[in-house]
Protein backbone atom coordinates (compact mmCIF):
# COMPACT_ATOMS: atom_id res chain seq x y z
CA MET A 1 32.68 3.90 -31.54
CA ASP A 2 32.34 2.56 -27.98
CA LEU A 3 30.06 3.95 -25.33
CA ARG A 4 30.87 3.56 -21.61
CA GLU A 5 30.64 5.14 -18.31
CA GLU A 6 33.13 7.99 -17.57
CA LEU A 7 36.12 7.00 -15.56
CA PRO A 8 38.33 9.21 -13.33
CA GLY A 9 41.08 9.20 -15.98
CA ASP A 10 38.57 10.67 -18.47
CA HIS A 11 38.07 13.91 -16.68
CA GLU A 12 40.51 16.09 -18.67
CA SER A 13 39.39 14.58 -21.96
CA VAL A 14 35.68 15.29 -21.13
CA ARG A 15 36.68 18.82 -20.18
CA ASP A 16 38.52 19.29 -23.43
CA VAL A 17 35.36 18.05 -25.40
CA HIS A 18 33.19 20.66 -23.71
CA LEU A 19 35.66 23.46 -24.19
CA ARG A 20 35.97 22.72 -27.87
CA ALA A 21 32.32 21.91 -28.58
CA PHE A 22 30.88 25.08 -26.78
CA GLY A 23 33.45 27.66 -28.00
CA ASP A 24 32.99 30.94 -25.79
CA HIS A 25 30.59 29.22 -23.59
CA GLY A 26 32.82 26.20 -23.18
CA ARG A 27 34.31 27.11 -19.86
CA VAL A 28 30.93 27.49 -18.11
CA VAL A 29 29.77 24.10 -19.55
CA ALA A 30 33.11 22.35 -18.61
CA ASP A 31 32.93 23.89 -15.09
CA LEU A 32 29.31 22.80 -14.68
CA ALA A 33 30.31 19.20 -15.77
CA ASP A 34 33.11 19.17 -13.20
CA THR A 35 30.78 20.22 -10.42
CA LEU A 36 27.99 17.91 -11.42
CA ARG A 37 30.27 14.90 -11.61
CA GLY A 38 30.39 14.85 -7.60
CA SER A 39 26.66 14.34 -7.60
CA ILE A 40 26.70 11.11 -9.51
CA THR A 41 26.38 7.85 -7.66
CA PRO A 42 26.07 4.39 -8.98
CA ALA A 43 22.30 4.56 -8.51
CA ASP A 44 21.64 8.15 -9.28
CA GLY A 45 22.88 10.00 -12.34
CA LEU A 46 25.07 8.84 -15.24
CA SER A 47 28.07 10.21 -17.07
CA LEU A 48 28.78 8.46 -20.40
CA VAL A 49 31.56 9.01 -22.93
CA ALA A 50 31.89 8.01 -26.57
CA GLU A 51 35.34 6.79 -27.68
CA ASP A 52 36.64 6.58 -31.17
CA ASP A 53 39.81 4.70 -31.62
CA GLY A 54 40.57 5.12 -27.90
CA ARG A 55 39.95 8.88 -27.84
CA VAL A 56 36.97 10.53 -25.96
CA VAL A 57 34.93 12.21 -28.71
CA GLY A 58 31.64 12.77 -26.83
CA HIS A 59 30.20 13.09 -23.39
CA VAL A 60 26.78 13.27 -21.77
CA MET A 61 25.64 13.70 -18.17
CA PHE A 62 22.36 12.94 -16.60
CA THR A 63 22.01 14.31 -13.05
CA ARG A 64 19.34 14.70 -10.48
CA GLY A 65 16.56 17.33 -10.57
CA LEU A 66 13.25 17.55 -8.91
CA LEU A 67 9.68 17.88 -10.17
CA ASP A 68 7.48 19.88 -7.70
CA ALA A 69 4.41 17.85 -8.33
CA PRO A 70 1.05 18.44 -6.39
CA ARG A 71 1.29 15.11 -4.48
CA ARG A 72 5.04 15.23 -3.64
CA LEU A 73 8.54 16.00 -4.89
CA VAL A 74 9.50 13.60 -7.53
CA GLU A 75 13.21 12.70 -8.37
CA VAL A 76 13.82 13.21 -12.14
CA GLN A 77 16.91 13.52 -14.22
CA VAL A 78 18.39 16.29 -16.32
CA LEU A 79 20.25 15.64 -19.54
CA SER A 80 23.07 18.29 -19.44
CA PRO A 81 25.57 18.71 -20.62
CA LEU A 82 26.00 16.93 -23.91
CA ALA A 83 28.97 17.70 -26.13
CA VAL A 84 30.67 16.21 -29.07
CA LEU A 85 34.02 17.21 -30.52
CA PRO A 86 33.58 19.50 -33.61
CA GLY A 87 35.06 17.00 -36.06
CA HIS A 88 32.66 14.32 -34.83
CA GLN A 89 29.45 16.35 -34.80
CA GLY A 90 26.69 15.19 -37.10
CA THR A 91 27.92 11.66 -37.18
CA GLY A 92 25.47 10.26 -34.62
CA VAL A 93 27.77 10.39 -31.64
CA GLY A 94 25.36 12.56 -29.48
CA THR A 95 22.36 10.58 -30.52
CA HIS A 96 23.99 7.24 -29.37
CA LEU A 97 25.06 8.76 -26.08
CA VAL A 98 21.58 10.10 -25.31
CA ARG A 99 19.83 6.96 -26.41
CA HIS A 100 22.08 4.77 -24.31
CA GLY A 101 21.53 6.98 -21.25
CA LEU A 102 17.77 7.04 -21.74
CA ARG A 103 17.63 3.14 -21.75
CA THR A 104 19.81 2.97 -18.57
CA LEU A 105 17.50 5.56 -16.83
CA ALA A 106 14.36 3.71 -17.86
CA GLU A 107 15.72 0.61 -16.34
CA ARG A 108 16.36 2.48 -13.11
CA ALA A 109 12.66 3.55 -13.07
CA VAL A 110 13.32 7.31 -13.65
CA PRO A 111 9.94 8.80 -14.62
CA VAL A 112 11.07 11.94 -16.49
CA VAL A 113 14.14 13.38 -18.16
CA PHE A 114 14.30 17.13 -18.79
CA VAL A 115 16.62 18.98 -21.09
CA GLU A 116 17.05 22.61 -22.14
CA GLY A 117 18.20 22.76 -25.70
CA ASP A 118 17.55 22.88 -29.46
CA PRO A 119 14.08 21.45 -30.09
CA ALA A 120 15.11 20.55 -33.71
CA TYR A 121 17.74 18.11 -32.30
CA TYR A 122 16.04 16.82 -29.18
CA SER A 123 12.74 16.18 -30.74
CA ARG A 124 14.47 13.84 -33.17
CA LEU A 125 15.27 11.75 -29.92
CA GLY A 126 11.59 11.75 -28.62
CA PHE A 127 11.67 14.90 -26.38
CA LEU A 128 8.52 16.99 -26.40
CA PRO A 129 7.87 20.54 -25.19
CA GLY A 130 7.65 20.31 -21.42
CA GLY A 131 4.36 22.27 -21.31
CA ASP A 132 2.73 19.41 -23.38
CA HIS A 133 3.04 17.14 -20.22
CA GLY A 134 1.86 19.87 -17.80
CA PHE A 135 5.46 20.65 -16.71
CA ARG A 136 6.52 24.38 -16.03
CA ARG A 137 9.94 25.63 -16.69
CA PRO A 138 12.12 26.75 -13.71
CA SER A 139 13.06 30.16 -15.17
CA LEU A 140 11.43 32.60 -17.52
CA ARG A 141 14.82 32.90 -19.31
CA ILE A 142 14.22 29.46 -20.71
CA PRO A 143 12.40 29.83 -24.08
CA ASP A 144 9.27 27.58 -24.19
CA ALA A 145 10.42 25.61 -27.19
CA ALA A 146 13.88 24.95 -25.47
CA PHE A 147 12.19 23.47 -22.31
CA GLN A 148 11.73 19.76 -23.27
CA ALA A 149 10.89 16.52 -21.38
CA MET A 150 10.72 12.80 -22.20
CA THR A 151 8.47 10.61 -20.06
CA LEU A 152 9.79 7.11 -19.36
CA PRO A 153 7.83 4.00 -18.43
CA ALA A 154 7.90 4.84 -14.64
CA TYR A 155 5.98 8.21 -15.38
CA GLU A 156 2.48 8.49 -13.91
CA PRO A 157 -0.16 11.03 -15.11
CA TRP A 158 -0.20 12.89 -11.67
CA MET A 159 3.50 13.76 -12.19
CA THR A 160 3.10 17.35 -13.30
CA GLY A 161 4.31 20.80 -11.94
CA THR A 162 7.50 22.79 -11.87
CA PHE A 163 10.79 21.38 -12.78
CA VAL A 164 13.64 22.44 -10.36
CA TYR A 165 17.33 22.36 -11.33
CA ALA A 166 19.87 21.21 -8.82
CA ASP A 167 22.01 23.99 -7.25
CA PRO A 168 25.02 23.59 -9.50
CA PHE A 169 23.03 24.78 -12.52
CA TRP A 170 22.20 28.03 -10.63
CA ARG A 171 25.64 28.49 -9.28
CA HIS A 172 27.15 28.28 -12.71
CA ASP A 173 24.48 30.42 -14.25
CA ALA A 174 23.71 27.66 -16.60
CA VAL A 175 19.91 28.06 -16.73
CA GLY A 176 18.16 29.72 -19.64
CA LEU A 177 19.48 32.56 -21.77
CA ARG A 178 21.01 35.91 -20.45
CA ASP A 179 20.35 39.10 -22.37
CA PRO A 180 23.90 40.40 -23.13
CA HIS A 181 22.49 43.88 -23.51
CA ALA A 182 20.70 44.15 -20.11
């Protein structure tokens, strides 16, 4: 398996990974990834793919978010979305993508990475409940256990407060859980 930055020629393959990995929710996630892609620059954000025998089998994005800390706004990163083709799930593809991304972000002096996801999965990668660090979730629709963060070496103890997603997450309604019966 090879890990590398996403290239323009990978967009359709990446979209397919999200569509297949997320089932009924795949279109929302794929559309979110398409929108977020435009916010990634060489110095800010990261989009990585995993290839197996020349085929894209996994994808992860890290994009800009903000931490509304008492001293000032702090630029942070959001791990989302992460997807692996169903036939490759459980083989370490997602873990390798996330760890590679976290190493890169640590080198760029990113202080905190936030994720909204399964605590059983992300805790294995070193993420902790966001509240343990004094972070507040941006929506009450995010279960406490799903709101997680990882502090990197550039983190300082005064960096607490409310995490704020970038606009595309809100536009695509990709924050928290919706009550289908409401």
